[in-house]
């Protein structure tokens, strides 16, 4: 299924993220959207909040007319019936609370109700997309589509390929993100994905330099995409791998014994990839090759 086959999109969850994604799909994508939550009141409130935001940030500032606002909201229908919602959609974005048990339950319901061609994606920040896909009979048509908050503003979308996600599905999710004027990056299904893993963030809270290096070592994504995710997801001027190339990875290696002496092994540990690069002459620093070159020359060929 390709981008041109998507006519109607459903969003499951009417909180800040779900309502924001629904509004984005209507305003930028021009899609007919069904926004679903467990009660009519929750969906009504979510749509009302988005309408107020559009009024305040667009209409009141004369960036949008009242008629344009009316058309955007008019393309968003609401429902508290998840079965009826899923049965009408070509593409479904789940954006509920970050609970694996809840998400697995929802994905099972969506799989049973949605047409066979429908793609199911999750907006999870860090949970396993593969585990959610395991609840369906269409794991090849399940992927991650991680928007950042607020989705109307933040440019990054992480397109997460689960274990059985097809290339066609991943490409469709990627192209949809581009249609919404986002800057997508691919990544494999790993805890925290790219931005949260490499920089830390809500939900993951785990970012260190070693985490960014591990993503390269494990072939989760190339250095350029990891840095792009951190910069776009957290509005940082540089990514951790660019910074390492600029400063020099040999600094980390040379300082390892001092850190171990001061903090113990856990905080003093330098990633094996950094040691390998430095030993191979990829030290980083002004005018010297670093992790970007090591990926291109060595790791990407493994």
C-alpha atoms as a PDB file:
ATOM      1  CA  UNK A   1       0.000   0.000   0.000  1.00  0.00           C
ATOM      2  CA  UNK A   2       1.394   3.388  -1.018  1.00  0.00           C
ATOM      3  CA  UNK A   3       0.838   6.976   0.029  1.00  0.00           C
ATOM      4  CA  UNK A   4      -1.702   7.599  -2.748  1.00  0.00           C
ATOM      5  CA  UNK A   5      -3.902   4.813  -1.355  1.00  0.00           C
ATOM      6  CA  UNK A   6      -4.423   6.628   1.943  1.00  0.00           C
ATOM      7  CA  UNK A   7      -7.724   8.505   1.921  1.00  0.00           C
ATOM      8  CA  UNK A   8      -8.884   8.353   5.528  1.00  0.00           C
ATOM      9  CA  UNK A   9      -6.687   8.292   8.642  1.00  0.00           C
ATOM     10  CA  UNK A  10      -7.717   7.339  12.174  1.00  0.00           C
ATOM     11  CA  UNK A  11      -5.978   8.550  15.333  1.00  0.00           C
ATOM     12  CA  UNK A  12      -6.501   6.522  18.492  1.00  0.00           C
ATOM     13  CA  UNK A  13      -6.134   8.788  21.509  1.00  0.00           C
ATOM     14  CA  UNK A  14      -7.359  12.385  21.873  1.00  0.00           C
ATOM     15  CA  UNK A  15      -4.800  13.704  24.341  1.00  0.00           C
ATOM     16  CA  UNK A  16      -2.258  16.392  23.482  1.00  0.00           C
ATOM     17  CA  UNK A  17      -0.336  14.151  21.077  1.00  0.00           C
ATOM     18  CA  UNK A  18      -3.295  12.408  19.488  1.00  0.00           C
ATOM     19  CA  UNK A  19      -5.295  15.603  18.960  1.00  0.00           C
ATOM     20  CA  UNK A  20      -2.196  17.396  17.695  1.00  0.00           C
ATOM     21  CA  UNK A  21      -1.494  14.641  15.174  1.00  0.00           C
ATOM     22  CA  UNK A  22      -5.140  14.634  14.037  1.00  0.00           C
ATOM     23  CA  UNK A  23      -5.045  18.390  13.476  1.00  0.00           C
ATOM     24  CA  UNK A  24      -1.754  18.092  11.573  1.00  0.00           C
ATOM     25  CA  UNK A  25      -3.188  15.390   9.309  1.00  0.00           C
ATOM     26  CA  UNK A  26      -6.136  17.619   8.479  1.00  0.00           C
ATOM     27  CA  UNK A  27      -4.374  20.980   8.232  1.00  0.00           C
ATOM     28  CA  UNK A  28      -1.194  19.975   6.401  1.00  0.00           C
ATOM     29  CA  UNK A  29      -2.115  16.624   4.861  1.00  0.00           C
ATOM     30  CA  UNK A  30      -5.681  17.538   3.917  1.00  0.00           C
ATOM     31  CA  UNK A  31      -6.883  14.121   5.120  1.00  0.00           C
ATOM     32  CA  UNK A  32     -10.275  13.071   6.365  1.00  0.00           C
ATOM     33  CA  UNK A  33      -9.517  12.106   9.973  1.00  0.00           C
ATOM     34  CA  UNK A  34     -11.375  10.127  12.615  1.00  0.00           C
ATOM     35  CA  UNK A  35     -10.167  10.858  16.152  1.00  0.00           C
ATOM     36  CA  UNK A  36     -11.068   8.203  18.697  1.00  0.00           C
ATOM     37  CA  UNK A  37     -10.901   7.880  22.462  1.00  0.00           C
ATOM     38  CA  UNK A  38     -12.680   5.871  25.135  1.00  0.00           C
ATOM     39  CA  UNK A  39     -15.461   8.417  25.743  1.00  0.00           C
ATOM     40  CA  UNK A  40     -17.245  11.052  23.666  1.00  0.00           C
ATOM     41  CA  UNK A  41     -16.270  13.675  26.248  1.00  0.00           C
ATOM     42  CA  UNK A  42     -12.540  12.969  25.876  1.00  0.00           C
ATOM     43  CA  UNK A  43     -12.716  13.236  22.096  1.00  0.00           C
ATOM     44  CA  UNK A  44     -14.847  16.384  22.210  1.00  0.00           C
ATOM     45  CA  UNK A  45     -12.432  18.018  24.636  1.00  0.00           C
ATOM     46  CA  UNK A  46      -9.388  17.032  22.539  1.00  0.00           C
ATOM     47  CA  UNK A  47     -10.868  18.529  19.373  1.00  0.00           C
ATOM     48  CA  UNK A  48     -11.980  21.668  21.208  1.00  0.00           C
ATOM     49  CA  UNK A  49      -8.455  22.190  22.590  1.00  0.00           C
ATOM     50  CA  UNK A  50      -6.954  21.943  19.105  1.00  0.00           C
ATOM     51  CA  UNK A  51      -9.517  24.366  17.711  1.00  0.00           C
ATOM     52  CA  UNK A  52      -8.622  26.880  20.429  1.00  0.00           C
ATOM     53  CA  UNK A  53      -4.911  26.508  19.657  1.00  0.00           C
ATOM     54  CA  UNK A  54      -5.485  27.096  15.944  1.00  0.00           C
ATOM     55  CA  UNK A  55      -7.584  30.145  16.756  1.00  0.00           C
ATOM     56  CA  UNK A  56      -4.913  31.575  19.059  1.00  0.00           C
ATOM     57  CA  UNK A  57      -1.809  30.823  17.017  1.00  0.00           C
ATOM     58  CA  UNK A  58      -3.131  31.117  13.468  1.00  0.00           C
ATOM     59  CA  UNK A  59      -6.437  32.975  13.124  1.00  0.00           C
ATOM     60  CA  UNK A  60      -5.758  35.640  15.754  1.00  0.00           C
ATOM     61  CA  UNK A  61      -2.350  36.265  14.178  1.00  0.00           C
ATOM     62  CA  UNK A  62      -3.899  36.438  10.712  1.00  0.00           C
ATOM     63  CA  UNK A  63      -2.003  33.389   9.461  1.00  0.00           C
ATOM     64  CA  UNK A  64      -5.275  31.587   8.739  1.00  0.00           C
ATOM     65  CA  UNK A  65      -8.828  32.669   8.026  1.00  0.00           C
ATOM     66  CA  UNK A  66     -11.828  31.643  10.078  1.00  0.00           C
ATOM     67  CA  UNK A  67     -13.111  29.714   7.075  1.00  0.00           C
ATOM     68  CA  UNK A  68      -9.835  27.775   6.801  1.00  0.00           C
ATOM     69  CA  UNK A  69     -10.043  26.912  10.489  1.00  0.00           C
ATOM     70  CA  UNK A  70     -13.606  25.713  10.011  1.00  0.00           C
ATOM     71  CA  UNK A  71     -12.530  23.496   7.105  1.00  0.00           C
ATOM     72  CA  UNK A  72      -9.656  21.965   9.105  1.00  0.00           C
ATOM     73  CA  UNK A  73     -11.881  21.109  12.059  1.00  0.00           C
ATOM     74  CA  UNK A  74     -14.601  19.946   9.686  1.00  0.00           C
ATOM     75  CA  UNK A  75     -12.322  17.244   8.282  1.00  0.00           C
ATOM     76  CA  UNK A  76     -11.906  15.727  11.764  1.00  0.00           C
ATOM     77  CA  UNK A  77     -14.716  13.434  12.870  1.00  0.00           C
ATOM     78  CA  UNK A  78     -14.897  12.028  16.386  1.00  0.00           C
ATOM     79  CA  UNK A  79     -15.785   8.604  17.756  1.00  0.00           C
ATOM     80  CA  UNK A  80     -15.670   6.558  20.955  1.00  0.00           C
ATOM     81  CA  UNK A  81     -16.212   3.287  19.065  1.00  0.00           C
ATOM     82  CA  UNK A  82     -12.776   1.858  18.226  1.00  0.00           C
ATOM     83  CA  UNK A  83     -14.189  -0.923  16.041  1.00  0.00           C
ATOM     84  CA  UNK A  84     -16.203   1.465  13.879  1.00  0.00           C
ATOM     85  CA  UNK A  85     -13.239   3.853  13.723  1.00  0.00           C
ATOM     86  CA  UNK A  86     -10.774   1.207  12.570  1.00  0.00           C
ATOM     87  CA  UNK A  87     -13.167  -0.253  10.008  1.00  0.00           C
ATOM     88  CA  UNK A  88     -13.159   3.027   8.034  1.00  0.00           C
ATOM     89  CA  UNK A  89      -9.440   3.800   8.007  1.00  0.00           C
ATOM     90  CA  UNK A  90      -6.642   3.199   5.498  1.00  0.00           C
ATOM     91  CA  UNK A  91      -3.978   4.255   8.002  1.00  0.00           C
ATOM     92  CA  UNK A  92      -4.222   4.235  11.810  1.00  0.00           C
ATOM     93  CA  UNK A  93      -1.979   6.072  14.280  1.00  0.00           C
ATOM     94  CA  UNK A  94      -2.146   4.884  17.896  1.00  0.00           C
ATOM     95  CA  UNK A  95      -1.288   7.653  20.378  1.00  0.00           C
ATOM     96  CA  UNK A  96      -2.493   6.432  23.761  1.00  0.00           C
ATOM     97  CA  UNK A  97      -0.822   6.228  27.187  1.00  0.00           C
ATOM     98  CA  UNK A  98       2.634   4.614  27.246  1.00  0.00           C
ATOM     99  CA  UNK A  99       1.596   1.219  28.577  1.00  0.00           C
ATOM    100  CA  UNK A 100       2.609  -1.886  26.654  1.00  0.00           C
ATOM    101  CA  UNK A 101      -0.361  -3.869  27.927  1.00  0.00           C
ATOM    102  CA  UNK A 102      -2.817  -1.182  26.829  1.00  0.00           C
ATOM    103  CA  UNK A 103      -1.143  -0.789  23.445  1.00  0.00           C
ATOM    104  CA  UNK A 104      -1.146  -4.544  22.799  1.00  0.00           C
ATOM    105  CA  UNK A 105      -4.843  -4.666  23.599  1.00  0.00           C
ATOM    106  CA  UNK A 106      -5.524  -1.768  21.234  1.00  0.00           C
ATOM    107  CA  UNK A 107      -3.454  -3.253  18.414  1.00  0.00           C
ATOM    108  CA  UNK A 108      -5.363  -6.512  18.704  1.00  0.00           C
ATOM    109  CA  UNK A 109      -8.651  -4.608  18.437  1.00  0.00           C
ATOM    110  CA  UNK A 110      -7.406  -2.542  15.498  1.00  0.00           C
ATOM    111  CA  UNK A 111      -6.162  -5.604  13.642  1.00  0.00           C
ATOM    112  CA  UNK A 112      -9.508  -7.365  14.025  1.00  0.00           C
ATOM    113  CA  UNK A 113     -11.536  -4.357  12.856  1.00  0.00           C
ATOM    114  CA  UNK A 114      -9.408  -2.636  10.206  1.00  0.00           C
ATOM    115  CA  UNK A 115      -9.502  -3.580   6.508  1.00  0.00           C
ATOM    116  CA  UNK A 116      -6.696  -5.951   5.415  1.00  0.00           C
ATOM    117  CA  UNK A 117      -4.802  -3.208   3.573  1.00  0.00           C
ATOM    118  CA  UNK A 118      -4.697  -0.802   6.547  1.00  0.00           C
ATOM    119  CA  UNK A 119      -1.322   0.154   8.008  1.00  0.00           C
ATOM    120  CA  UNK A 120      -1.140   0.346  11.820  1.00  0.00           C
ATOM    121  CA  UNK A 121       1.469   2.581  13.464  1.00  0.00           C
ATOM    122  CA  UNK A 122       2.275   3.549  17.022  1.00  0.00           C
ATOM    123  CA  UNK A 123       3.456   6.919  18.281  1.00  0.00           C
ATOM    124  CA  UNK A 124       5.265   5.347  21.239  1.00  0.00           C
ATOM    125  CA  UNK A 125       8.382   7.166  22.417  1.00  0.00           C
ATOM    126  CA  UNK A 126      10.355   4.086  23.359  1.00  0.00           C
ATOM    127  CA  UNK A 127       8.340   0.830  23.636  1.00  0.00           C
ATOM    128  CA  UNK A 128       8.847  -2.202  21.375  1.00  0.00           C
ATOM    129  CA  UNK A 129       6.946  -1.893  18.109  1.00  0.00           C
ATOM    130  CA  UNK A 130       7.684  -5.559  17.400  1.00  0.00           C
ATOM    131  CA  UNK A 131       5.844  -6.598  20.570  1.00  0.00           C
ATOM    132  CA  UNK A 132       2.784  -4.573  19.565  1.00  0.00           C
ATOM    133  CA  UNK A 133       2.894  -6.028  16.052  1.00  0.00           C
ATOM    134  CA  UNK A 134       2.902  -9.531  17.538  1.00  0.00           C
ATOM    135  CA  UNK A 135      -0.736  -8.994  18.548  1.00  0.00           C
ATOM    136  CA  UNK A 136      -1.783  -8.678  14.915  1.00  0.00           C
ATOM    137  CA  UNK A 137      -2.065 -10.891  11.851  1.00  0.00           C
ATOM    138  CA  UNK A 138      -0.372  -8.176   9.777  1.00  0.00           C
ATOM    139  CA  UNK A 139       3.057  -7.569  11.389  1.00  0.00           C
ATOM    140  CA  UNK A 140       4.406  -6.572   7.969  1.00  0.00           C
ATOM    141  CA  UNK A 141       1.997  -3.607   8.016  1.00  0.00           C
ATOM    142  CA  UNK A 142       2.882  -2.393  11.526  1.00  0.00           C
ATOM    143  CA  UNK A 143       5.526   0.277  12.198  1.00  0.00           C
ATOM    144  CA  UNK A 144       6.447   3.095  14.553  1.00  0.00           C
ATOM    145  CA  UNK A 145       5.743   6.725  13.668  1.00  0.00           C
ATOM    146  CA  UNK A 146       7.160   8.714  16.547  1.00  0.00           C
ATOM    147  CA  UNK A 147       6.140  12.371  16.476  1.00  0.00           C
ATOM    148  CA  UNK A 148       7.673  14.825  18.930  1.00  0.00           C
ATOM    149  CA  UNK A 149       5.679  17.193  21.117  1.00  0.00           C
ATOM    150  CA  UNK A 150       4.087  19.429  19.951  1.00  0.00           C
ATOM    151  CA  UNK A 151       3.596  17.584  16.647  1.00  0.00           C
ATOM    152  CA  UNK A 152       2.481  20.726  14.833  1.00  0.00           C
ATOM    153  CA  UNK A 153       5.869  22.352  15.512  1.00  0.00           C
ATOM    154  CA  UNK A 154       8.577  19.715  15.927  1.00  0.00           C
ATOM    155  CA  UNK A 155      10.080  18.603  12.620  1.00  0.00           C
ATOM    156  CA  UNK A 156      11.340  15.137  13.542  1.00  0.00           C
ATOM    157  CA  UNK A 157       9.433  11.913  12.947  1.00  0.00           C
ATOM    158  CA  UNK A 158      11.185   8.626  13.713  1.00  0.00           C
ATOM    159  CA  UNK A 159      10.042   5.863  11.356  1.00  0.00           C
ATOM    160  CA  UNK A 160      10.611   2.660  13.309  1.00  0.00           C
ATOM    161  CA  UNK A 161      10.978  -0.617  11.424  1.00  0.00           C
ATOM    162  CA  UNK A 162       9.893  -3.514  13.606  1.00  0.00           C
ATOM    163  CA  UNK A 163      11.232  -7.018  13.066  1.00  0.00           C
ATOM    164  CA  UNK A 164       8.690  -7.873  10.351  1.00  0.00           C
ATOM    165  CA  UNK A 165       7.826  -4.420   8.975  1.00  0.00           C
ATOM    166  CA  UNK A 166       7.905  -4.576   5.172  1.00  0.00           C
ATOM    167  CA  UNK A 167       9.975  -2.147   3.115  1.00  0.00           C
ATOM    168  CA  UNK A 168       6.768  -0.961   1.449  1.00  0.00           C
ATOM    169  CA  UNK A 169       5.138  -0.160   4.790  1.00  0.00           C
ATOM    170  CA  UNK A 170       8.195   1.681   6.077  1.00  0.00           C
ATOM    171  CA  UNK A 171       8.414   3.688   2.840  1.00  0.00           C
ATOM    172  CA  UNK A 172       4.723   4.657   3.058  1.00  0.00           C
ATOM    173  CA  UNK A 173       5.113   5.842   6.661  1.00  0.00           C
ATOM    174  CA  UNK A 174       8.241   7.804   5.663  1.00  0.00           C
ATOM    175  CA  UNK A 175       6.468   9.471   2.732  1.00  0.00           C
ATOM    176  CA  UNK A 176       3.453  10.341   4.880  1.00  0.00           C
ATOM    177  CA  UNK A 177       5.779  12.107   7.330  1.00  0.00           C
ATOM    178  CA  UNK A 178       7.278  14.059   4.433  1.00  0.00           C
ATOM    179  CA  UNK A 179       3.795  14.997   3.198  1.00  0.00           C
ATOM    180  CA  UNK A 180       3.143  16.447   6.652  1.00  0.00           C
ATOM    181  CA  UNK A 181       6.263  18.635   6.202  1.00  0.00           C
ATOM    182  CA  UNK A 182       8.278  16.614   8.699  1.00  0.00           C
ATOM    183  CA  UNK A 183      11.862  15.403   8.460  1.00  0.00           C
ATOM    184  CA  UNK A 184      11.716  11.630   8.985  1.00  0.00           C
ATOM    185  CA  UNK A 185      14.580   9.308   9.877  1.00  0.00           C
ATOM    186  CA  UNK A 186      14.533   5.516   9.736  1.00  0.00           C
ATOM    187  CA  UNK A 187      15.615   3.424  12.669  1.00  0.00           C
ATOM    188  CA  UNK A 188      15.373  -0.185  13.769  1.00  0.00           C
ATOM    189  CA  UNK A 189      13.185  -1.191  16.691  1.00  0.00           C
ATOM    190  CA  UNK A 190      15.343  -0.600  19.764  1.00  0.00           C
ATOM    191  CA  UNK A 191      14.481   0.851  23.174  1.00  0.00           C
ATOM    192  CA  UNK A 192      14.305   4.647  23.006  1.00  0.00           C
ATOM    193  CA  UNK A 193      14.848   4.656  19.214  1.00  0.00           C
ATOM    194  CA  UNK A 194      17.312   7.387  18.158  1.00  0.00           C
ATOM    195  CA  UNK A 195      16.612  10.758  19.776  1.00  0.00           C
ATOM    196  CA  UNK A 196      15.556   9.518  23.216  1.00  0.00           C
ATOM    197  CA  UNK A 197      18.299   6.916  23.278  1.00  0.00           C
ATOM    198  CA  UNK A 198      21.095   9.258  22.210  1.00  0.00           C
ATOM    199  CA  UNK A 199      19.995  12.393  24.032  1.00  0.00           C
ATOM    200  CA  UNK A 200      17.651  11.269  26.814  1.00  0.00           C
ATOM    201  CA  UNK A 201      14.069  12.465  27.056  1.00  0.00           C
ATOM    202  CA  UNK A 202      10.609  11.918  28.457  1.00  0.00           C
ATOM    203  CA  UNK A 203       9.914   8.241  28.816  1.00  0.00           C
ATOM    204  CA  UNK A 204      13.403   7.018  27.980  1.00  0.00           C
ATOM    205  CA  UNK A 205      15.611   9.220  30.132  1.00  0.00           C
ATOM    206  CA  UNK A 206      18.761   7.306  29.260  1.00  0.00           C
ATOM    207  CA  UNK A 207      20.884   9.428  26.939  1.00  0.00           C
ATOM    208  CA  UNK A 208      24.675   9.320  27.169  1.00  0.00           C
ATOM    209  CA  UNK A 209      27.500   9.557  24.655  1.00  0.00           C
ATOM    210  CA  UNK A 210      27.916   5.789  24.904  1.00  0.00           C
ATOM    211  CA  UNK A 211      24.254   5.274  23.975  1.00  0.00           C
ATOM    212  CA  UNK A 212      24.753   7.261  20.780  1.00  0.00           C
ATOM    213  CA  UNK A 213      27.891   5.271  19.949  1.00  0.00           C
ATOM    214  CA  UNK A 214      26.089   1.982  20.685  1.00  0.00           C
ATOM    215  CA  UNK A 215      23.426   2.868  18.104  1.00  0.00           C
ATOM    216  CA  UNK A 216      26.188   3.043  15.478  1.00  0.00           C
ATOM    217  CA  UNK A 217      27.908  -0.098  16.753  1.00  0.00           C
ATOM    218  CA  UNK A 218      24.645  -2.078  16.616  1.00  0.00           C
ATOM    219  CA  UNK A 219      23.810  -0.777  13.118  1.00  0.00           C
ATOM    220  CA  UNK A 220      20.568   0.777  14.390  1.00  0.00           C
ATOM    221  CA  UNK A 221      21.194   3.846  12.222  1.00  0.00           C
ATOM    222  CA  UNK A 222      24.145   5.707  10.663  1.00  0.00           C
ATOM    223  CA  UNK A 223      25.769   8.576  12.601  1.00  0.00           C
ATOM    224  CA  UNK A 224      24.155  11.233  10.422  1.00  0.00           C
ATOM    225  CA  UNK A 225      20.616  10.048  11.222  1.00  0.00           C
ATOM    226  CA  UNK A 226      21.356   9.724  14.936  1.00  0.00           C
ATOM    227  CA  UNK A 227      22.650  13.286  15.119  1.00  0.00           C
ATOM    228  CA  UNK A 228      19.753  14.518  12.985  1.00  0.00           C
ATOM    229  CA  UNK A 229      17.286  12.928  15.402  1.00  0.00           C
ATOM    230  CA  UNK A 230      18.909  14.555  18.413  1.00  0.00           C
ATOM    231  CA  UNK A 231      19.097  17.981  16.772  1.00  0.00           C
ATOM    232  CA  UNK A 232      15.523  17.976  15.474  1.00  0.00           C
ATOM    233  CA  UNK A 233      13.991  16.181  18.454  1.00  0.00           C
ATOM    234  CA  UNK A 234      15.623  18.366  21.094  1.00  0.00           C
ATOM    235  CA  UNK A 235      16.546  21.551  19.197  1.00  0.00           C
ATOM    236  CA  UNK A 236      20.259  21.097  19.765  1.00  0.00           C
ATOM    237  CA  UNK A 237      22.851  22.764  17.538  1.00  0.00           C
ATOM    238  CA  UNK A 238      24.981  19.623  17.303  1.00  0.00           C
ATOM    239  CA  UNK A 239      24.476  15.909  17.768  1.00  0.00           C
ATOM    240  CA  UNK A 240      26.636  13.873  20.188  1.00  0.00           C
ATOM    241  CA  UNK A 241      28.525  12.118  17.389  1.00  0.00           C
ATOM    242  CA  UNK A 242      29.297  15.338  15.514  1.00  0.00           C
ATOM    243  CA  UNK A 243      30.532  16.767  18.790  1.00  0.00           C
ATOM    244  CA  UNK A 244      32.734  13.730  19.391  1.00  0.00           C
ATOM    245  CA  UNK A 245      34.264  14.081  15.934  1.00  0.00           C
ATOM    246  CA  UNK A 246      34.887  17.774  16.573  1.00  0.00           C
ATOM    247  CA  UNK A 247      36.484  17.407  19.998  1.00  0.00           C
ATOM    248  CA  UNK A 248      38.284  14.119  19.405  1.00  0.00           C
ATOM    249  CA  UNK A 249      37.426  10.610  20.576  1.00  0.00           C
ATOM    250  CA  UNK A 250      40.949  10.084  21.852  1.00  0.00           C
ATOM    251  CA  UNK A 251      40.067  12.470  24.684  1.00  0.00           C
ATOM    252  CA  UNK A 252      37.513   9.940  25.930  1.00  0.00           C
ATOM    253  CA  UNK A 253      40.007   7.083  25.748  1.00  0.00           C
ATOM    254  CA  UNK A 254      42.806   8.985  27.451  1.00  0.00           C
ATOM    255  CA  UNK A 255      40.512  10.077  30.264  1.00  0.00           C
ATOM    256  CA  UNK A 256      39.083   6.610  30.925  1.00  0.00           C
ATOM    257  CA  UNK A 257      41.452   5.629  33.742  1.00  0.00           C
ATOM    258  CA  UNK A 258      40.856   8.908  35.556  1.00  0.00           C
ATOM    259  CA  UNK A 259      37.094   8.494  35.371  1.00  0.00           C
ATOM    260  CA  UNK A 260      37.269   4.888  36.582  1.00  0.00           C
ATOM    261  CA  UNK A 261      39.458   5.986  39.485  1.00  0.00           C
ATOM    262  CA  UNK A 262      37.009   8.755  40.392  1.00  0.00           C
ATOM    263  CA  UNK A 263      33.604   7.192  39.720  1.00  0.00           C
ATOM    264  CA  UNK A 264      34.107   3.450  39.337  1.00  0.00           C
ATOM    265  CA  UNK A 265      33.896   1.210  36.279  1.00  0.00           C
ATOM    266  CA  UNK A 266      30.266   1.886  35.320  1.00  0.00           C
ATOM    267  CA  UNK A 267      30.699   5.629  34.772  1.00  0.00           C
ATOM    268  CA  UNK A 268      34.264   5.344  33.532  1.00  0.00           C
ATOM    269  CA  UNK A 269      33.564   2.887  30.742  1.00  0.00           C
ATOM    270  CA  UNK A 270      34.392   3.974  27.192  1.00  0.00           C
ATOM    271  CA  UNK A 271      32.488   2.154  24.453  1.00  0.00           C
ATOM    272  CA  UNK A 272      34.516  -0.524  22.603  1.00  0.00           C
ATOM    273  CA  UNK A 273      33.753   1.196  19.303  1.00  0.00           C
ATOM    274  CA  UNK A 274      35.473   4.370  20.482  1.00  0.00           C
ATOM    275  CA  UNK A 275      38.571   2.379  21.460  1.00  0.00           C
ATOM    276  CA  UNK A 276      38.561   0.596  18.109  1.00  0.00           C
ATOM    277  CA  UNK A 277      38.267   3.865  16.186  1.00  0.00           C
ATOM    278  CA  UNK A 278      41.093   5.519  18.067  1.00  0.00           C
ATOM    279  CA  UNK A 279      43.354   2.479  17.613  1.00  0.00           C
ATOM    280  CA  UNK A 280      42.576   2.544  13.891  1.00  0.00           C
ATOM    281  CA  UNK A 281      43.494   6.219  13.665  1.00  0.00           C
ATOM    282  CA  UNK A 282      39.934   7.583  13.537  1.00  0.00           C
ATOM    283  CA  UNK A 283      40.451   9.883  16.500  1.00  0.00           C
ATOM    284  CA  UNK A 284      38.348  12.827  15.454  1.00  0.00           C
ATOM    285  CA  UNK A 285      39.476  16.357  16.137  1.00  0.00           C
ATOM    286  CA  UNK A 286      40.269  19.164  13.678  1.00  0.00           C
ATOM    287  CA  UNK A 287      41.147  17.784  10.254  1.00  0.00           C
ATOM    288  CA  UNK A 288      41.052  14.142  11.378  1.00  0.00           C
ATOM    289  CA  UNK A 289      38.687  11.301  10.578  1.00  0.00           C
ATOM    290  CA  UNK A 290      36.100  10.398  13.211  1.00  0.00           C
ATOM    291  CA  UNK A 291      32.996   8.276  13.659  1.00  0.00           C
ATOM    292  CA  UNK A 292      31.274   9.529  10.506  1.00  0.00           C
ATOM    293  CA  UNK A 293      34.248   8.342   8.441  1.00  0.00           C
ATOM    294  CA  UNK A 294      34.564   5.100  10.414  1.00  0.00           C
ATOM    295  CA  UNK A 295      30.935   4.287   9.644  1.00  0.00           C
ATOM    296  CA  UNK A 296      31.435   4.988   5.934  1.00  0.00           C
ATOM    297  CA  UNK A 297      34.816   3.279   5.610  1.00  0.00           C
ATOM    298  CA  UNK A 298      34.390   0.338   7.959  1.00  0.00           C
ATOM    299  CA  UNK A 299      31.156  -0.337   9.859  1.00  0.00           C
ATOM    300  CA  UNK A 300      28.669   0.120   7.018  1.00  0.00           C
ATOM    301  CA  UNK A 301      30.508  -2.623   5.111  1.00  0.00           C
ATOM    302  CA  UNK A 302      30.346  -5.169   7.944  1.00  0.00           C
END
